[in-house]
Amino acid sequence: MDAGHPAPAEPGTATAEGPASPARHGSFSVGMDFTVTTAEVFRGFADPSLRRRWFRLPGGSATAEHELDFRVGGGESARNLFVSGDLEQRLAYRSRFLDIVPDARIVLVYEAEVDGIRRWVSLVTVELSDEPAGSRLAWTEQYTWLVPTGDGADDVAHLRGGTRLVLNGLSTVVNPDRHPGVRRR
């Protein structure tokens, strides 16, 4: 690891916060309707220029990094520096695509780090289906929380809310008619 950045914690080991917490497991699902085809929604995931417009970690655009290799066995990585008042956090995301069915399904695993500590890992299944007025996206996430924030009471709500925000970003890129007044890049 870089000097000044702690090495990621291995599962079951002590972290900067103290001894390892028991892993917490769970899942949630989020759905979203689109007025465009499944192919257009799928393109929002597959096309690197579109993906960069809606998928990013919190923080300034000047510090954001993003790479996408959209194929089975490929992956995605993102890093950013989040600053709020006196709080400064280095965020990192790494994923690997396990299954891709064009215009229908994406299965991936990802890990999320804060300040070099792996906080949670997830298995995500994104399913797209045709609807009379366009298409529907179903996002199912199975998570394992490794290092909670404080007592962990707000972690799952934060994860679910963050997923909803990211999908809203996808909608503004692939379904712009639903978002009048949103500036296009």
N, C-alpha and C. Protein backbone atom coordinates (compact mmCIF):
# COMPACT_ATOMS: atom_id res chain seq x y z
N MET A 1 0.83 -1.19 0.00
CA MET A 1 0.00 0.00 0.00
C MET A 1 0.87 1.24 0.00
N ASP A 2 0.30 2.36 -0.42
CA ASP A 2 1.01 3.63 -0.43
C ASP A 2 1.32 4.05 1.00
N ALA A 3 2.43 4.77 1.16
CA ALA A 3 2.75 5.33 2.48
C ALA A 3 1.62 6.25 2.89
N GLY A 4 1.24 6.20 4.11
CA GLY A 4 0.17 7.04 4.61
C GLY A 4 -1.21 6.43 4.45
N HIS A 5 -1.32 5.29 3.75
CA HIS A 5 -2.60 4.61 3.59
C HIS A 5 -2.48 3.25 4.25
N PRO A 6 -3.38 2.93 5.19
CA PRO A 6 -3.29 1.63 5.84
C PRO A 6 -3.61 0.51 4.86
N ALA A 7 -3.02 -0.64 5.06
CA ALA A 7 -3.32 -1.81 4.25
C ALA A 7 -4.76 -2.25 4.54
N PRO A 8 -5.48 -2.75 3.52
CA PRO A 8 -6.83 -3.23 3.77
C PRO A 8 -6.84 -4.33 4.82
N ALA A 9 -7.84 -4.31 5.67
CA ALA A 9 -7.97 -5.33 6.70
C ALA A 9 -8.36 -6.65 6.07
N GLU A 10 -7.78 -7.71 6.54
CA GLU A 10 -8.18 -9.03 6.09
C GLU A 10 -9.40 -9.45 6.91
N PRO A 11 -10.31 -10.25 6.31
CA PRO A 11 -11.48 -10.68 7.06
C PRO A 11 -11.09 -11.34 8.37
N GLY A 12 -11.80 -11.00 9.43
CA GLY A 12 -11.57 -11.62 10.73
C GLY A 12 -10.41 -11.06 11.50
N THR A 13 -9.78 -9.99 11.02
CA THR A 13 -8.66 -9.41 11.75
C THR A 13 -9.09 -8.11 12.40
N ALA A 14 -8.28 -7.65 13.33
CA ALA A 14 -8.56 -6.38 13.97
C ALA A 14 -8.33 -5.25 12.97
N THR A 15 -9.03 -4.15 13.14
CA THR A 15 -8.89 -2.99 12.27
C THR A 15 -8.53 -1.79 13.13
N ALA A 16 -8.43 -0.64 12.48
CA ALA A 16 -8.13 0.59 13.21
C ALA A 16 -9.20 0.86 14.28
N GLU A 17 -10.41 0.35 14.06
CA GLU A 17 -11.49 0.56 15.02
C GLU A 17 -11.43 -0.42 16.19
N GLY A 18 -10.56 -1.42 16.13
CA GLY A 18 -10.46 -2.39 17.21
C GLY A 18 -10.62 -3.80 16.68
N PRO A 19 -11.02 -4.74 17.57
CA PRO A 19 -11.15 -6.14 17.16
C PRO A 19 -12.23 -6.30 16.08
N ALA A 20 -12.11 -7.36 15.31
CA ALA A 20 -13.06 -7.64 14.24
C ALA A 20 -14.46 -7.81 14.80
N SER A 21 -15.43 -7.20 14.12
CA SER A 21 -16.84 -7.36 14.47
C SER A 21 -17.37 -8.59 13.75
N PRO A 22 -18.42 -9.21 14.28
CA PRO A 22 -19.03 -10.31 13.53
C PRO A 22 -19.60 -9.75 12.22
N ALA A 23 -19.44 -10.49 11.15
CA ALA A 23 -20.00 -10.07 9.86
C ALA A 23 -21.53 -10.06 9.95
N ARG A 24 -22.12 -9.07 9.30
CA ARG A 24 -23.59 -9.00 9.25
C ARG A 24 -24.03 -9.18 7.81
N HIS A 25 -25.01 -10.04 7.62
CA HIS A 25 -25.48 -10.39 6.28
C HIS A 25 -26.91 -9.92 6.08
N GLY A 26 -27.24 -9.61 4.85
CA GLY A 26 -28.61 -9.24 4.53
C GLY A 26 -28.75 -8.99 3.04
N SER A 27 -29.94 -8.58 2.68
CA SER A 27 -30.19 -8.28 1.27
C SER A 27 -31.31 -7.25 1.18
N PHE A 28 -31.38 -6.62 0.02
CA PHE A 28 -32.47 -5.71 -0.28
C PHE A 28 -32.65 -5.66 -1.79
N SER A 29 -33.81 -5.21 -2.21
CA SER A 29 -34.11 -5.05 -3.63
C SER A 29 -34.65 -3.65 -3.86
N VAL A 30 -34.28 -3.08 -4.99
CA VAL A 30 -34.74 -1.76 -5.40
C VAL A 30 -35.16 -1.88 -6.86
N GLY A 31 -36.30 -1.32 -7.21
CA GLY A 31 -36.76 -1.34 -8.58
C GLY A 31 -36.88 0.06 -9.15
N MET A 32 -36.82 0.16 -10.47
CA MET A 32 -36.97 1.46 -11.13
C MET A 32 -37.57 1.23 -12.51
N ASP A 33 -38.53 2.06 -12.87
CA ASP A 33 -39.16 2.01 -14.19
C ASP A 33 -38.54 3.05 -15.09
N PHE A 34 -38.42 2.72 -16.37
CA PHE A 34 -37.87 3.60 -17.40
C PHE A 34 -38.86 3.68 -18.56
N THR A 35 -38.83 4.78 -19.28
CA THR A 35 -39.67 4.92 -20.48
C THR A 35 -38.88 4.59 -21.74
N VAL A 36 -37.67 4.05 -21.59
CA VAL A 36 -36.84 3.64 -22.70
C VAL A 36 -36.69 2.12 -22.69
N THR A 37 -36.14 1.57 -23.75
CA THR A 37 -36.00 0.11 -23.89
C THR A 37 -34.96 -0.46 -22.93
N THR A 38 -35.02 -1.77 -22.75
CA THR A 38 -34.00 -2.44 -21.93
C THR A 38 -32.61 -2.25 -22.55
N ALA A 39 -32.53 -2.21 -23.88
CA ALA A 39 -31.24 -2.01 -24.54
C ALA A 39 -30.63 -0.66 -24.16
N GLU A 40 -31.44 0.37 -24.06
CA GLU A 40 -30.93 1.69 -23.68
C GLU A 40 -30.47 1.72 -22.23
N VAL A 41 -31.21 1.05 -21.35
CA VAL A 41 -30.80 0.99 -19.94
C VAL A 41 -29.51 0.18 -19.82
N PHE A 42 -29.44 -0.95 -20.51
CA PHE A 42 -28.24 -1.79 -20.49
C PHE A 42 -27.03 -1.00 -20.98
N ARG A 43 -27.22 -0.22 -22.03
CA ARG A 43 -26.13 0.60 -22.57
C ARG A 43 -25.58 1.57 -21.51
N GLY A 44 -26.45 2.02 -20.59
CA GLY A 44 -26.00 2.89 -19.51
C GLY A 44 -24.98 2.22 -18.60
N PHE A 45 -25.04 0.90 -18.50
CA PHE A 45 -24.06 0.14 -17.73
C PHE A 45 -22.82 -0.18 -18.56
N ALA A 46 -23.01 -0.50 -19.85
CA ALA A 46 -21.95 -1.04 -20.69
C ALA A 46 -21.06 0.02 -21.34
N ASP A 47 -21.60 1.17 -21.67
CA ASP A 47 -20.86 2.21 -22.38
C ASP A 47 -20.08 3.06 -21.37
N PRO A 48 -18.73 3.00 -21.42
CA PRO A 48 -17.94 3.72 -20.41
C PRO A 48 -18.25 5.21 -20.32
N SER A 49 -18.52 5.88 -21.45
CA SER A 49 -18.79 7.32 -21.39
C SER A 49 -20.12 7.59 -20.69
N LEU A 50 -21.12 6.73 -20.88
CA LEU A 50 -22.39 6.89 -20.16
C LEU A 50 -22.22 6.51 -18.69
N ARG A 51 -21.54 5.42 -18.43
CA ARG A 51 -21.37 4.93 -17.05
C ARG A 51 -20.69 6.00 -16.18
N ARG A 52 -19.67 6.66 -16.72
CA ARG A 52 -18.97 7.70 -15.94
C ARG A 52 -19.89 8.86 -15.58
N ARG A 53 -20.91 9.09 -16.37
CA ARG A 53 -21.82 10.21 -16.10
C ARG A 53 -22.75 9.94 -14.92
N TRP A 54 -23.02 8.67 -14.60
CA TRP A 54 -23.96 8.41 -13.51
C TRP A 54 -23.37 7.61 -12.35
N PHE A 55 -22.25 6.93 -12.57
CA PHE A 55 -21.67 6.15 -11.48
C PHE A 55 -20.39 6.82 -11.01
N ARG A 56 -20.42 7.32 -9.80
CA ARG A 56 -19.21 7.91 -9.22
C ARG A 56 -19.33 7.83 -7.70
N LEU A 57 -18.19 7.84 -7.06
CA LEU A 57 -18.15 7.86 -5.61
C LEU A 57 -18.31 9.30 -5.14
N PRO A 58 -18.84 9.49 -3.93
CA PRO A 58 -18.96 10.86 -3.41
C PRO A 58 -17.61 11.55 -3.35
N GLY A 59 -17.62 12.85 -3.58
CA GLY A 59 -16.41 13.66 -3.55
C GLY A 59 -16.33 14.52 -4.79
N GLY A 60 -15.29 15.32 -4.86
CA GLY A 60 -15.12 16.24 -5.98
C GLY A 60 -14.74 15.55 -7.27
N SER A 61 -15.11 16.14 -8.39
CA SER A 61 -14.78 15.54 -9.68
C SER A 61 -13.28 15.60 -9.97
N ALA A 62 -12.57 16.56 -9.38
CA ALA A 62 -11.13 16.68 -9.63
C ALA A 62 -10.34 15.51 -9.05
N THR A 63 -10.87 14.84 -8.03
CA THR A 63 -10.16 13.73 -7.39
C THR A 63 -10.72 12.37 -7.80
N ALA A 64 -11.76 12.36 -8.63
CA ALA A 64 -12.42 11.10 -9.01
C ALA A 64 -11.60 10.33 -10.04
N GLU A 65 -11.53 9.01 -9.84
CA GLU A 65 -10.90 8.09 -10.79
C GLU A 65 -11.91 7.01 -11.13
N HIS A 66 -11.91 6.53 -12.39
CA HIS A 66 -12.86 5.51 -12.79
C HIS A 66 -12.31 4.71 -13.96
N GLU A 67 -12.44 3.39 -13.89
CA GLU A 67 -12.07 2.49 -14.99
C GLU A 67 -13.15 1.44 -15.12
N LEU A 68 -13.50 1.08 -16.37
CA LEU A 68 -14.54 0.09 -16.63
C LEU A 68 -14.08 -0.88 -17.71
N ASP A 69 -14.17 -2.17 -17.42
CA ASP A 69 -13.90 -3.24 -18.37
C ASP A 69 -15.15 -4.13 -18.34
N PHE A 70 -16.15 -3.77 -19.15
CA PHE A 70 -17.47 -4.39 -19.08
C PHE A 70 -17.51 -5.67 -19.91
N ARG A 71 -17.13 -6.76 -19.27
CA ARG A 71 -17.19 -8.09 -19.86
C ARG A 71 -17.13 -9.09 -18.71
N VAL A 72 -17.59 -10.31 -18.94
CA VAL A 72 -17.48 -11.34 -17.91
C VAL A 72 -16.00 -11.53 -17.59
N GLY A 73 -15.66 -11.45 -16.32
CA GLY A 73 -14.27 -11.53 -15.88
C GLY A 73 -13.61 -10.17 -15.77
N GLY A 74 -14.20 -9.17 -16.41
CA GLY A 74 -13.70 -7.80 -16.30
C GLY A 74 -14.25 -7.17 -15.04
N GLY A 75 -14.01 -5.90 -14.87
CA GLY A 75 -14.49 -5.25 -13.66
C GLY A 75 -14.49 -3.74 -13.78
N GLU A 76 -14.68 -3.14 -12.65
CA GLU A 76 -14.75 -1.69 -12.58
C GLU A 76 -14.03 -1.27 -11.30
N SER A 77 -13.38 -0.12 -11.37
CA SER A 77 -12.79 0.43 -10.16
C SER A 77 -13.05 1.92 -10.14
N ALA A 78 -13.24 2.44 -8.94
CA ALA A 78 -13.46 3.87 -8.76
C ALA A 78 -12.82 4.26 -7.43
N ARG A 79 -12.28 5.48 -7.42
CA ARG A 79 -11.69 6.04 -6.21
C ARG A 79 -12.08 7.51 -6.15
N ASN A 80 -12.17 8.02 -4.93
CA ASN A 80 -12.39 9.45 -4.78
C ASN A 80 -12.04 9.86 -3.35
N LEU A 81 -11.82 11.15 -3.21
CA LEU A 81 -11.56 11.75 -1.90
C LEU A 81 -12.81 12.53 -1.53
N PHE A 82 -13.43 12.14 -0.42
CA PHE A 82 -14.64 12.81 0.07
C PHE A 82 -14.25 13.72 1.22
N VAL A 83 -14.62 14.99 1.11
CA VAL A 83 -14.31 15.96 2.16
C VAL A 83 -15.61 16.66 2.55
N SER A 84 -15.86 16.70 3.85
CA SER A 84 -17.02 17.41 4.40
C SER A 84 -16.58 18.01 5.74
N GLY A 85 -16.41 19.32 5.76
CA GLY A 85 -15.92 19.97 6.97
C GLY A 85 -14.54 19.44 7.31
N ASP A 86 -14.38 18.93 8.54
CA ASP A 86 -13.11 18.37 8.98
C ASP A 86 -12.93 16.91 8.58
N LEU A 87 -14.00 16.29 8.06
CA LEU A 87 -13.95 14.88 7.68
C LEU A 87 -13.34 14.74 6.29
N GLU A 88 -12.37 13.83 6.17
CA GLU A 88 -11.75 13.52 4.88
C GLU A 88 -11.63 12.01 4.80
N GLN A 89 -12.24 11.41 3.76
CA GLN A 89 -12.21 9.96 3.60
C GLN A 89 -11.77 9.60 2.19
N ARG A 90 -10.93 8.58 2.11
CA ARG A 90 -10.54 8.02 0.82
C ARG A 90 -11.45 6.83 0.54
N LEU A 91 -12.22 6.94 -0.53
CA LEU A 91 -13.19 5.92 -0.89
C LEU A 91 -12.69 5.11 -2.08
N ALA A 92 -12.96 3.81 -2.06
CA ALA A 92 -12.57 2.95 -3.18
C ALA A 92 -13.64 1.89 -3.41
N TYR A 93 -13.85 1.55 -4.67
CA TYR A 93 -14.82 0.56 -5.11
C TYR A 93 -14.13 -0.31 -6.16
N ARG A 94 -14.28 -1.63 -6.03
CA ARG A 94 -13.76 -2.57 -7.01
C ARG A 94 -14.80 -3.65 -7.25
N SER A 95 -15.05 -3.95 -8.53
CA SER A 95 -16.03 -4.99 -8.84
C SER A 95 -15.47 -5.95 -9.88
N ARG A 96 -16.17 -7.07 -10.01
CA ARG A 96 -15.87 -8.06 -11.06
C ARG A 96 -17.20 -8.55 -11.59
N PHE A 97 -17.32 -8.59 -12.93
CA PHE A 97 -18.56 -9.04 -13.57
C PHE A 97 -18.53 -10.56 -13.71
N LEU A 98 -19.57 -11.22 -13.18
CA LEU A 98 -19.65 -12.68 -13.19
C LEU A 98 -20.54 -13.20 -14.31
N ASP A 99 -21.56 -12.43 -14.69
CA ASP A 99 -22.51 -12.87 -15.71
C ASP A 99 -23.07 -11.63 -16.39
N ILE A 100 -23.09 -11.63 -17.71
CA ILE A 100 -23.68 -10.54 -18.46
C ILE A 100 -24.52 -11.14 -19.59
N VAL A 101 -25.80 -10.84 -19.59
CA VAL A 101 -26.71 -11.22 -20.67
C VAL A 101 -27.20 -9.91 -21.26
N PRO A 102 -26.75 -9.56 -22.48
CA PRO A 102 -27.10 -8.26 -23.04
C PRO A 102 -28.60 -7.95 -22.96
N ASP A 103 -28.90 -6.74 -22.51
CA ASP A 103 -30.26 -6.21 -22.41
C ASP A 103 -31.14 -6.95 -21.41
N ALA A 104 -30.55 -7.84 -20.59
CA ALA A 104 -31.38 -8.64 -19.68
C ALA A 104 -30.82 -8.75 -18.26
N ARG A 105 -29.51 -9.01 -18.09
CA ARG A 105 -29.01 -9.30 -16.73
C ARG A 105 -27.53 -8.96 -16.62
N ILE A 106 -27.16 -8.48 -15.42
CA ILE A 106 -25.77 -8.25 -15.05
C ILE A 106 -25.61 -8.77 -13.62
N VAL A 107 -24.62 -9.61 -13.40
CA VAL A 107 -24.31 -10.10 -12.05
C VAL A 107 -22.86 -9.72 -11.76
N LEU A 108 -22.66 -9.08 -10.60
CA LEU A 108 -21.33 -8.63 -10.23
C LEU A 108 -21.13 -8.77 -8.74
N VAL A 109 -19.87 -8.83 -8.36
CA VAL A 109 -19.48 -8.74 -6.94
C VAL A 109 -18.66 -7.47 -6.80
N TYR A 110 -18.79 -6.82 -5.64
CA TYR A 110 -17.96 -5.63 -5.41
C TYR A 110 -17.58 -5.52 -3.95
N GLU A 111 -16.52 -4.76 -3.72
CA GLU A 111 -16.08 -4.44 -2.37
C GLU A 111 -15.96 -2.94 -2.25
N ALA A 112 -16.28 -2.43 -1.07
CA ALA A 112 -16.21 -1.00 -0.79
C ALA A 112 -15.22 -0.76 0.35
N GLU A 113 -14.33 0.21 0.14
CA GLU A 113 -13.33 0.56 1.16
C GLU A 113 -13.48 2.01 1.55
N VAL A 114 -13.23 2.27 2.82
CA VAL A 114 -13.13 3.63 3.34
C VAL A 114 -11.80 3.71 4.07
N ASP A 115 -10.94 4.63 3.64
CA ASP A 115 -9.61 4.81 4.22
C ASP A 115 -8.82 3.51 4.28
N GLY A 116 -8.90 2.72 3.19
CA GLY A 116 -8.12 1.50 3.09
C GLY A 116 -8.67 0.32 3.85
N ILE A 117 -9.82 0.45 4.48
CA ILE A 117 -10.43 -0.65 5.23
C ILE A 117 -11.65 -1.14 4.48
N ARG A 118 -11.65 -2.44 4.13
CA ARG A 118 -12.79 -3.05 3.45
C ARG A 118 -13.97 -3.06 4.41
N ARG A 119 -15.01 -2.29 4.07
CA ARG A 119 -16.17 -2.15 4.96
C ARG A 119 -17.25 -3.18 4.67
N TRP A 120 -17.55 -3.41 3.38
CA TRP A 120 -18.54 -4.42 3.03
C TRP A 120 -18.24 -4.97 1.65
N VAL A 121 -18.80 -6.15 1.39
CA VAL A 121 -18.75 -6.78 0.07
C VAL A 121 -20.18 -7.16 -0.30
N SER A 122 -20.46 -7.18 -1.60
CA SER A 122 -21.81 -7.47 -2.05
C SER A 122 -21.83 -8.26 -3.34
N LEU A 123 -22.88 -9.03 -3.50
CA LEU A 123 -23.24 -9.70 -4.75
C LEU A 123 -24.48 -8.97 -5.26
N VAL A 124 -24.43 -8.46 -6.49
CA VAL A 124 -25.53 -7.68 -7.06
C VAL A 124 -26.03 -8.36 -8.32
N THR A 125 -27.34 -8.47 -8.44
CA THR A 125 -27.97 -8.94 -9.66
C THR A 125 -28.87 -7.83 -10.17
N VAL A 126 -28.61 -7.38 -11.40
CA VAL A 126 -29.43 -6.37 -12.06
C VAL A 126 -30.18 -7.10 -13.16
N GLU A 127 -31.52 -7.04 -13.10
CA GLU A 127 -32.35 -7.68 -14.13
C GLU A 127 -33.19 -6.62 -14.82
N LEU A 128 -33.23 -6.72 -16.15
CA LEU A 128 -34.00 -5.78 -16.96
C LEU A 128 -35.12 -6.54 -17.65
N SER A 129 -36.30 -5.94 -17.66
CA SER A 129 -37.44 -6.57 -18.33
C SER A 129 -38.24 -5.52 -19.09
N ASP A 130 -38.87 -5.98 -20.16
CA ASP A 130 -39.73 -5.11 -20.95
C ASP A 130 -41.03 -4.85 -20.20
N GLU A 131 -41.51 -3.64 -20.31
CA GLU A 131 -42.79 -3.23 -19.73
C GLU A 131 -43.57 -2.51 -20.82
N PRO A 132 -44.88 -2.43 -20.71
CA PRO A 132 -45.67 -1.74 -21.75
C PRO A 132 -45.20 -0.30 -22.03
N ALA A 133 -44.77 0.40 -20.99
CA ALA A 133 -44.37 1.80 -21.16
C ALA A 133 -42.86 1.97 -21.30
N GLY A 134 -42.10 0.88 -21.42
CA GLY A 134 -40.65 0.97 -21.52
C GLY A 134 -39.97 -0.26 -20.96
N SER A 135 -39.34 -0.10 -19.79
CA SER A 135 -38.62 -1.21 -19.18
C SER A 135 -38.57 -1.04 -17.67
N ARG A 136 -38.19 -2.11 -17.01
CA ARG A 136 -38.06 -2.10 -15.55
C ARG A 136 -36.71 -2.70 -15.18
N LEU A 137 -36.07 -2.07 -14.21
CA LEU A 137 -34.81 -2.55 -13.66
C LEU A 137 -35.09 -3.05 -12.24
N ALA A 138 -34.62 -4.25 -11.94
CA ALA A 138 -34.68 -4.79 -10.57
C ALA A 138 -33.26 -5.02 -10.10
N TRP A 139 -32.87 -4.36 -9.00
CA TRP A 139 -31.53 -4.45 -8.41
C TRP A 139 -31.67 -5.23 -7.11
N THR A 140 -31.02 -6.39 -7.01
CA THR A 140 -31.02 -7.19 -5.78
C THR A 140 -29.60 -7.27 -5.28
N GLU A 141 -29.39 -6.85 -4.04
CA GLU A 141 -28.05 -6.83 -3.46
C GLU A 141 -28.02 -7.67 -2.20
N GLN A 142 -27.06 -8.61 -2.17
CA GLN A 142 -26.81 -9.43 -0.99
C GLN A 142 -25.47 -8.97 -0.43
N TYR A 143 -25.49 -8.43 0.79
CA TYR A 143 -24.29 -7.81 1.34
C TYR A 143 -23.78 -8.56 2.56
N THR A 144 -22.49 -8.39 2.79
CA THR A 144 -21.85 -8.83 4.03
C THR A 144 -21.12 -7.61 4.57
N TRP A 145 -21.58 -7.11 5.71
CA TRP A 145 -20.97 -5.95 6.34
C TRP A 145 -19.84 -6.46 7.23
N LEU A 146 -18.62 -6.01 6.95
CA LEU A 146 -17.44 -6.49 7.67
C LEU A 146 -17.02 -5.55 8.80
N VAL A 147 -17.08 -4.24 8.56
CA VAL A 147 -16.68 -3.25 9.56
C VAL A 147 -17.79 -2.20 9.61
N PRO A 148 -18.62 -2.24 10.64
CA PRO A 148 -19.73 -1.29 10.72
C PRO A 148 -19.27 0.13 11.08
N THR A 149 -20.14 1.08 10.80
CA THR A 149 -19.93 2.46 11.23
C THR A 149 -20.56 2.57 12.61
N GLY A 150 -19.76 2.87 13.61
CA GLY A 150 -20.30 2.95 14.98
C GLY A 150 -20.95 1.63 15.37
N ASP A 151 -22.24 1.70 15.75
CA ASP A 151 -22.95 0.48 16.11
C ASP A 151 -23.58 -0.20 14.89
N GLY A 152 -23.41 0.38 13.70
CA GLY A 152 -23.91 -0.22 12.47
C GLY A 152 -25.38 -0.01 12.19
N ALA A 153 -26.07 0.72 13.07
CA ALA A 153 -27.52 0.87 12.95
C ALA A 153 -27.95 1.52 11.64
N ASP A 154 -27.13 2.41 11.09
CA ASP A 154 -27.52 3.14 9.88
C ASP A 154 -26.86 2.62 8.61
N ASP A 155 -26.02 1.61 8.70
CA ASP A 155 -25.26 1.16 7.54
C ASP A 155 -26.14 0.66 6.39
N VAL A 156 -27.11 -0.18 6.67
CA VAL A 156 -27.93 -0.74 5.61
C VAL A 156 -28.80 0.35 4.97
N ALA A 157 -29.36 1.25 5.78
CA ALA A 157 -30.14 2.35 5.22
C ALA A 157 -29.27 3.23 4.33
N HIS A 158 -28.02 3.45 4.73
CA HIS A 158 -27.08 4.22 3.93
C HIS A 158 -26.81 3.52 2.59
N LEU A 159 -26.58 2.21 2.63
CA LEU A 159 -26.31 1.43 1.43
C LEU A 159 -27.51 1.44 0.49
N ARG A 160 -28.68 1.19 1.03
CA ARG A 160 -29.90 1.19 0.21
C ARG A 160 -30.17 2.58 -0.38
N GLY A 161 -30.02 3.63 0.43
CA GLY A 161 -30.21 5.00 -0.06
C GLY A 161 -29.20 5.38 -1.12
N GLY A 162 -27.94 4.95 -0.93
CA GLY A 162 -26.92 5.21 -1.93
C GLY A 162 -27.22 4.52 -3.24
N THR A 163 -27.74 3.30 -3.16
CA THR A 163 -28.13 2.57 -4.38
C THR A 163 -29.24 3.31 -5.11
N ARG A 164 -30.22 3.78 -4.37
CA ARG A 164 -31.32 4.55 -4.98
C ARG A 164 -30.78 5.81 -5.66
N LEU A 165 -29.85 6.52 -5.02
CA LEU A 165 -29.27 7.72 -5.63
C LEU A 165 -28.51 7.39 -6.91
N VAL A 166 -27.74 6.31 -6.90
CA VAL A 166 -26.99 5.90 -8.09
C VAL A 166 -27.95 5.57 -9.23
N LEU A 167 -29.03 4.85 -8.93
CA LEU A 167 -30.00 4.51 -9.97
C LEU A 167 -30.74 5.74 -10.48
N ASN A 168 -30.96 6.71 -9.62
CA ASN A 168 -31.54 7.98 -10.09
C ASN A 168 -30.58 8.63 -11.09
N GLY A 169 -29.28 8.54 -10.83
CA GLY A 169 -28.29 9.06 -11.77
C GLY A 169 -28.35 8.33 -13.10
N LEU A 170 -28.51 7.01 -13.08
CA LEU A 170 -28.67 6.23 -14.30
C LEU A 170 -29.89 6.73 -15.08
N SER A 171 -30.97 6.96 -14.37
CA SER A 171 -32.19 7.43 -15.02
C SER A 171 -31.99 8.78 -15.71
N THR A 172 -31.25 9.70 -15.08
CA THR A 172 -31.04 11.01 -15.71
C THR A 172 -30.22 10.90 -16.99
N VAL A 173 -29.39 9.85 -17.10
CA VAL A 173 -28.54 9.68 -18.28
C VAL A 173 -29.28 8.95 -19.40
N VAL A 174 -29.98 7.86 -19.08
CA VAL A 174 -30.60 7.05 -20.15
C VAL A 174 -32.07 7.39 -20.38
N ASN A 175 -32.68 8.09 -19.46
CA ASN A 175 -34.11 8.40 -19.53
C ASN A 175 -34.33 9.90 -19.29
N PRO A 176 -33.65 10.76 -20.08
CA PRO A 176 -33.65 12.20 -19.78
C PRO A 176 -35.03 12.87 -19.84
N ASP A 177 -35.97 12.31 -20.59
CA ASP A 177 -37.31 12.92 -20.67
C ASP A 177 -38.02 12.92 -19.32
N ARG A 178 -37.61 12.02 -18.44
CA ARG A 178 -38.20 11.96 -17.10
C ARG A 178 -37.63 13.01 -16.17
N HIS A 179 -36.59 13.70 -16.58
CA HIS A 179 -35.89 14.63 -15.70
C HIS A 179 -35.74 16.00 -16.36
N PRO A 180 -36.85 16.69 -16.61
CA PRO A 180 -36.73 18.01 -17.22
C PRO A 180 -35.96 18.95 -16.30
N GLY A 181 -35.17 19.80 -16.90
CA GLY A 181 -34.40 20.75 -16.11
C GLY A 181 -33.04 20.26 -15.65
N VAL A 182 -32.77 18.95 -15.82
CA VAL A 182 -31.45 18.42 -15.44
C VAL A 182 -30.50 18.73 -16.58
N ARG A 183 -29.39 19.36 -16.26
CA ARG A 183 -28.40 19.70 -17.26
C ARG A 183 -27.75 18.47 -17.85
N ARG A 184 -27.63 18.42 -19.16
CA ARG A 184 -26.97 17.29 -19.85
C ARG A 184 -25.51 17.66 -20.11
N ARG A 185 -24.64 16.67 -20.09
CA ARG A 185 -23.22 16.93 -20.38
C ARG A 185 -22.94 16.63 -21.82
